[in-house]
Protein backbone atom coordinates (compact mmCIF):
# COMPACT_ATOMS: atom_id res chain seq x y z
CA MET A 1 -14.90 82.20 4.01
CA SER A 2 -13.81 79.94 7.13
CA LYS A 3 -12.41 76.68 6.56
CA LYS A 4 -11.10 74.27 8.87
CA LYS A 5 -7.78 72.39 8.50
CA GLY A 6 -6.71 69.31 9.18
CA LYS A 7 -9.04 67.16 9.92
CA THR A 8 -7.86 63.29 9.10
CA LYS A 9 -8.97 61.84 5.74
CA LYS A 10 -11.37 58.76 6.02
CA SER A 11 -11.68 55.90 4.03
CA GLY A 12 -15.12 56.79 2.08
CA MET A 13 -17.10 58.56 5.31
CA GLU A 14 -16.87 55.44 7.05
CA LYS A 15 -20.19 54.24 5.45
CA ARG A 16 -21.83 56.16 8.06
CA ARG A 17 -22.15 55.36 11.62
CA GLN A 18 -26.00 54.55 11.66
CA ASP A 19 -25.81 51.18 9.89
CA LYS A 20 -22.91 49.38 11.93
CA ARG A 21 -25.07 50.67 15.34
CA HIS A 22 -27.78 48.94 14.13
CA ARG A 23 -24.89 45.54 13.55
CA LYS A 24 -23.95 45.94 16.89
CA MET A 25 -27.83 46.56 18.58
CA VAL A 26 -28.54 43.17 16.96
CA LYS A 27 -25.74 41.31 18.25
CA ARG A 28 -25.90 42.73 21.50
CA LYS A 29 -29.34 41.72 22.16
CA LYS A 30 -27.97 38.10 21.36
CA LEU A 31 -25.13 38.47 23.74
CA MET A 32 -28.13 39.46 26.58
CA ASN A 33 -29.39 35.98 26.59
CA HIS A 34 -26.28 34.82 27.62
CA ARG A 35 -24.65 37.68 30.50
CA SER A 36 -26.07 39.25 33.25
CA PRO A 37 -24.91 42.57 33.62
CA THR A 38 -23.30 43.29 36.87
CA GLN A 39 -25.49 45.38 38.42
CA ILE A 40 -23.94 48.84 41.10
CA THR A 41 -25.78 48.89 44.08
CA SER A 42 -23.42 50.93 46.08
CA PRO A 43 -21.12 54.11 46.04
CA HIS A 44 -18.28 51.98 46.45
CA GLN A 45 -19.06 49.98 43.79
CA LEU A 46 -19.14 53.18 41.95
CA GLU A 47 -16.26 54.54 43.00
CA LYS A 48 -14.03 51.44 42.46
CA LEU A 49 -15.87 51.25 38.91
CA LEU A 50 -14.57 54.87 38.09
CA LYS A 51 -11.23 54.13 39.16
CA THR A 52 -10.53 52.09 36.21
CA LEU A 53 -11.85 54.68 33.55
CA PRO A 54 -8.35 55.05 32.68
CA ASN A 55 -8.32 51.77 31.36
CA LEU A 56 -10.97 52.10 28.30
CA ALA A 57 -7.73 54.12 26.67
CA PHE A 58 -6.83 50.40 25.84
CA ASP A 59 -9.92 48.98 25.33
CA PRO A 60 -9.47 46.99 21.44
CA MET A 61 -12.21 49.66 20.16
CA LEU A 62 -9.67 52.49 21.41
CA LEU A 63 -6.64 50.85 21.10
CA ASP A 64 -5.53 52.29 17.88
CA LEU A 65 -6.47 56.04 18.54
CA TYR A 66 -3.55 58.53 19.69
CA LEU A 67 -3.59 62.02 20.30
CA ASP A 68 -1.38 63.88 17.86
CA GLU A 69 2.12 62.29 18.22
CA LYS A 70 4.14 64.98 16.30
CA MET A 71 2.39 68.08 18.07
CA MET A 72 3.25 66.85 21.24
CA LYS A 73 7.46 65.76 20.75
CA GLU A 74 6.88 69.57 19.59
CA LEU A 75 5.36 71.20 22.77
CA ILE A 76 7.59 69.11 24.89
CA GLU A 77 10.43 71.12 23.58
CA GLU A 78 8.86 74.21 24.12
CA GLY A 79 9.11 72.83 27.93
CA LEU A 80 5.78 73.13 28.87
CA GLU A 81 4.05 71.53 31.90
CA GLU A 82 2.34 67.88 30.84
CA PRO A 83 -1.41 69.51 31.57
CA GLN A 84 -0.65 72.41 29.50
CA ILE A 85 0.77 70.12 26.57
CA LEU A 86 -3.03 67.72 27.07
CA SER A 87 -4.83 70.66 26.93
CA ARG A 88 -3.21 72.24 23.34
CA LEU A 89 -3.17 68.28 22.20
CA LEU A 90 -7.35 68.07 23.02
CA THR A 91 -8.22 69.36 19.48
CA PRO A 92 -12.20 69.02 17.87
CA GLU A 93 -11.14 66.62 15.78
CA PHE A 94 -9.67 64.06 18.37
CA LEU A 95 -12.61 64.76 20.59
CA LYS A 96 -14.83 63.59 18.52
CA GLU A 97 -13.21 61.03 16.69
CA LEU A 98 -12.96 59.71 20.59
CA GLU A 99 -16.89 60.43 21.13
CA GLY A 100 -17.91 58.92 18.31
CA ARG A 101 -15.16 55.26 19.53
CA LEU A 102 -17.32 55.69 22.58
CA GLU A 103 -20.07 55.60 21.30
CA ASP A 104 -19.23 52.35 19.15
CA VAL A 105 -17.86 50.86 22.87
CA GLU A 106 -21.05 51.59 24.51
CA ASP A 107 -23.45 50.04 21.89
CA SER A 108 -21.38 47.02 21.53
CA ALA A 109 -21.43 46.12 25.40
CA VAL A 110 -23.77 44.43 27.35
CA PRO A 111 -26.22 46.95 28.73
CA GLN A 112 -25.08 48.21 32.31
CA SER A 113 -21.95 46.66 32.06
CA PRO A 114 -19.13 48.36 33.69
CA LYS A 115 -17.83 49.19 30.18
CA ALA A 116 -20.90 50.42 29.01
CA LEU A 117 -21.28 52.47 32.34
CA LEU A 118 -17.97 53.92 31.45
CA ALA A 119 -18.46 54.82 27.88
CA LYS A 120 -21.54 56.52 28.71
CA ALA A 121 -20.03 58.44 31.75
CA SER A 122 -16.92 59.80 29.53
CA ARG A 123 -19.53 60.53 26.46
CA HIS A 124 -21.04 62.59 29.00
CA GLN A 125 -18.09 64.24 30.14
CA LEU A 126 -17.19 65.45 26.72
CA GLN A 127 -20.61 66.66 25.87
CA ASN A 128 -20.62 68.71 29.00
CA SER A 129 -16.88 69.93 29.20
CA GLU A 130 -18.67 73.58 30.19
CA GLU A 131 -19.60 72.11 33.65
CA ILE A 132 -16.86 69.12 33.63
CA PRO A 133 -13.92 70.10 32.42
CA TYR A 134 -11.49 68.05 30.00
CA LEU A 135 -8.85 68.59 31.78
CA SER A 136 -10.26 66.73 35.05
CA ASN A 137 -11.08 63.94 32.71
CA PRO A 138 -8.51 60.68 33.80
CA LEU A 139 -9.16 58.80 30.23
CA LEU A 140 -7.42 62.00 28.88
CA PHE A 141 -4.85 61.64 30.57
CA ALA A 142 -4.77 57.89 30.01
CA PHE A 143 -4.72 59.14 26.06
CA PHE A 144 -1.72 61.59 27.09
CA LEU A 145 0.68 59.04 28.66
CA LYS A 146 -0.09 56.21 25.98
CA THR A 147 0.86 58.87 23.64
CA ARG A 148 3.75 60.03 25.47
CA ALA A 149 5.21 56.78 25.78
CA LYS A 150 4.95 56.07 22.08
CA ALA A 151 6.46 59.32 21.21
CA GLU A 152 9.33 58.05 23.07
CA GLY A 153 9.60 54.70 21.37
CA ASN A 154 8.12 53.14 24.66
CA PRO A 155 4.95 51.92 23.82
CA MET A 156 2.94 51.42 26.63
CA LYS A 157 0.96 48.40 28.03
CA LEU A 158 -2.20 48.60 30.20
CA ALA A 159 -0.18 46.82 32.82
CA ASP A 160 2.40 50.12 32.83
CA LEU A 161 -1.14 52.58 33.21
CA PRO A 162 -1.68 52.38 37.23
CA ASN A 163 2.35 53.07 37.73
CA ALA A 164 2.17 55.75 34.78
CA ILE A 165 -0.85 57.54 36.10
CA ARG A 166 0.78 57.63 39.71
CA GLU A 167 4.23 58.89 38.77
CA PHE A 168 1.97 61.84 36.37
CA GLU A 169 0.42 62.84 39.63
CA GLU A 170 3.44 62.91 41.55
CA ARG A 171 5.06 65.00 38.92
CA ASN A 172 2.35 67.36 38.21
CA SER A 173 1.09 67.61 42.16
CA GLU A 174 1.75 71.18 42.31
CA TRP A 175 -0.37 72.00 39.12
CA ILE A 176 -2.82 69.96 40.86
CA ALA A 177 -2.99 71.55 43.99
CA GLU A 178 -3.24 74.77 42.58
CA ALA A 179 -6.22 73.77 40.17
CA SER A 180 -8.34 72.36 42.65
CA GLU A 181 -8.03 76.01 43.79
CA ASN A 182 -8.48 77.80 40.59
CA PRO A 183 -10.59 75.97 38.59
CA GLU A 184 -9.85 78.12 35.30
CA LEU A 185 -6.64 75.99 34.59
CA LEU A 186 -9.27 73.30 33.95
CA LYS A 187 -10.03 74.93 30.90
CA ASN A 188 -9.13 73.63 27.54
CA GLU A 189 -6.84 75.77 25.45
CA VAL A 190 -7.91 74.78 22.32
CA GLU A 191 -11.46 74.91 22.81
CA GLU A 192 -10.53 78.81 24.20
CA ASP A 193 -8.72 79.65 21.12
CA ALA A 194 -11.75 78.23 18.93
CA GLU A 195 -14.43 80.25 20.72
CA THR A 196 -11.98 83.21 20.44
CA GLN A 197 -11.34 83.01 16.15
CA VAL A 198 -15.70 82.35 16.11
CA GLU A 199 -15.74 85.75 17.74
CA ASP A 200 -13.14 87.63 16.25
CA SER A 201 -14.43 86.46 12.66
CA GLY A 202 -17.91 87.55 13.65
CA GLN A 203 -19.02 84.19 12.09
CA GLU A 204 -23.11 83.44 12.75
CA PRO A 205 -24.62 79.66 12.79
CA PHE A 206 -27.13 79.02 10.64
CA PRO A 207 -30.30 80.46 11.22
CA GLU A 208 -32.00 78.00 13.42
CA ASP A 209 -35.45 78.61 12.00
CA LEU A 210 -34.25 77.52 8.49
CA MET A 211 -32.81 74.55 9.97
CA GLN A 212 -36.02 73.80 12.17
CA GLU A 213 -37.85 73.83 8.42
CA LEU A 214 -35.58 71.65 6.49
CA GLU A 215 -35.51 68.77 9.70
CA LYS A 216 -39.37 69.04 9.16
CA GLU A 217 -38.59 68.10 5.67
CA TYR A 218 -36.07 65.51 6.48
CA GLU A 219 -38.64 63.92 8.66
CA ASN A 220 -40.79 62.84 5.73
CA LEU A 221 -37.85 60.75 4.15
CA PRO A 222 -36.63 57.18 4.82
CA GLN A 223 -34.87 57.18 8.34
CA GLN A 224 -31.02 56.08 6.83
CA ARG A 225 -31.60 58.60 3.88
CA ALA A 226 -32.50 61.85 6.21
CA ASP A 227 -29.61 60.92 8.45
CA ARG A 228 -27.12 60.66 5.92
CA MET A 229 -28.35 63.73 4.38
CA ARG A 230 -27.92 65.53 7.41
CA GLU A 231 -24.13 64.14 8.58
CA ASP A 232 -23.61 65.56 4.38
CA LEU A 233 -25.25 68.97 5.23
CA GLU A 234 -23.50 68.98 8.94
CA LEU A 235 -19.85 68.67 6.91
CA PHE A 236 -21.01 71.45 4.50
CA LEU A 237 -22.26 73.91 6.89
CA GLU A 238 -19.93 73.36 10.10
CA ASP A 239 -17.11 71.80 8.83
CA PHE A 240 -16.91 73.69 5.24
CA SER A 241 -18.21 76.42 7.19
CA PRO A 242 -19.83 79.06 4.41
CA SER A 243 -20.64 82.29 5.26
CA THR A 244 -24.47 83.01 6.68
CA LYS A 245 -24.35 85.94 4.19
CA PHE A 246 -26.04 84.68 1.93
CA ASP A 247 -26.27 87.23 -0.74
CA GLN A 248 -22.14 86.61 -0.52
CA TRP A 249 -23.04 82.76 -1.92
CA THR A 250 -21.60 81.99 -5.61
CA THR A 251 -21.89 78.83 -7.85
CA SER A 252 -17.88 78.92 -7.39
CA MET A 253 -18.06 78.41 -3.75
CA ILE A 254 -20.41 75.70 -4.36
CA ASP A 255 -18.42 73.95 -6.70
CA ASP A 256 -15.06 74.47 -4.46
CA PHE A 257 -16.50 72.70 -2.00
CA PHE A 258 -17.62 69.65 -3.69
CA MET A 259 -15.11 69.31 -6.50
CA LYS A 260 -12.16 70.14 -4.11
CA TRP A 261 -13.21 71.11 -0.65
CA PHE A 262 -14.98 67.57 -0.23
CA VAL A 263 -12.43 65.45 -2.07
CA GLU A 264 -9.74 66.54 -0.11
CA HIS A 265 -11.10 66.80 3.43
CA ALA A 266 -13.56 63.63 3.27
CA ASN A 267 -11.49 60.85 0.66
CA PRO A 268 -15.14 60.35 -0.65
CA THR A 269 -16.41 57.10 -2.62
CA ASP A 270 -18.47 57.15 -5.49
CA GLU A 271 -21.86 56.39 -3.45
CA ASP A 272 -20.64 59.52 -1.19
CA LYS A 273 -20.09 61.93 -3.96
CA GLN A 274 -23.72 60.79 -4.91
CA SER A 275 -25.04 61.03 -1.69
CA MET A 276 -23.27 64.65 -1.22
CA ARG A 277 -25.05 65.64 -4.35
CA GLU A 278 -28.07 64.63 -3.80
CA THR A 279 -28.30 66.75 -0.51
CA MET A 280 -26.89 69.92 -2.04
CA LEU A 281 -29.25 69.42 -4.53
CA HIS A 282 -32.07 69.31 -1.97
CA PHE A 283 -30.85 72.15 0.15
CA LEU A 284 -30.23 74.46 -2.80
CA GLN A 285 -33.43 73.93 -3.72
CA PHE A 286 -35.06 74.54 -0.42
CA MET A 287 -33.04 77.86 -0.08
CA ARG A 288 -34.12 78.73 -3.71
CA GLU A 289 -37.82 78.12 -2.35
CA ARG A 290 -37.82 80.54 0.22
CA LYS A 291 -36.04 83.33 -1.77
CA ILE A 292 -32.56 83.33 0.08
CA LEU A 293 -31.07 82.26 -3.22
CA ALA A 294 -31.52 83.17 -6.70
CA GLU A 295 -33.83 80.89 -9.09
CA ASP A 296 -30.99 80.47 -11.28
CA PHE A 297 -28.73 79.47 -8.42
CA SER A 298 -27.32 76.16 -9.93
CA PRO A 299 -23.54 75.45 -9.45
CA LYS A 300 -22.20 73.31 -12.45
CA SER A 301 -20.15 70.72 -10.33
CA LEU A 302 -23.87 69.48 -9.17
CA LEU A 303 -25.43 69.44 -12.84
C-alpha cells in the first residue's frame, strides 16, 4: 500500500475553504462599490505588471509561506546549483499549499486588479506545469530567495527582493543560458521522481467510471455537504492511496486509515471525524451496492 508522508499537520482540516471563500466574495463585492479595477490595455502594461510577479511572495496572505528550510540547508551543503535546489524543494505539498493560498489572494482582491491578475496567472502556471515548467516561474524563485535568506539568518524584506533576484540571475547566468537551449533542465525533479515512483509501483488511479457514478450521487446532496464529502474522499483515495485492487481491501485497512493515518496526518477535530465517518460509510455502501465489496464489509471504526 502506498502512503504519502511528510504532510504538514493542519488545525482541524482548516474548516474547508468553501465557507471562507464565500465570506471573501461578499467582502469583495462590497469593495467593488468603492474601487475601480486597474485596466490592462497594452502589452507594455502587461509586461510591466508581470515584472512585479515575484512581489506576491511578500503579500500578507503569503508572507509566512516558505519552502522547507531544513531541506534547503542540507541541499546547500551538498553543493548543488541553486536551480537544482529549488527543483527539489518544490514538493507536491508546497505547491498545493501555494495554489490554495493564491486562490485566497485572488478571491480577496478586487476582480481584474493587478493582484488578482497576478494570482490568477500564477495559479494557471502551477496548474499547467507540463506546458509552463515550474522553473520558469519567477514567483517560485522569489520563494527560494526568501527561504534561503531566512535559513541563513538574514530575513528578507520586499525591498531586498529586486537586488536578490538580480544577483541570483548573475550567479546562475550559465545555467539560465543553458536552460534556454535545453528546456529539459526546467523540469521539476520532485515531480519526475513522483511520476517514476507511480510507474514503478503500478498503482492505478481510482476507476473513472465509478467516480462519475459517485459524483452523480453527490449532485443530489446539499452543496456544502457534497463539497466536504469530495474533500474527505480525496484524502482517502489520493493521500492515503489504497490499492485499487479491491479484492485486497480489508476492514482492518479502513480501520487503520480512520483511526491512525487520518488522525496523524489531518489532525482532525471532532467535526472532521464525524464528517469523514459519514463520507466513508456512504462510500463503502456505494461500493457494496455495486458488488465491489462484500455485503458484510463493515469496519468497526465506522460503526
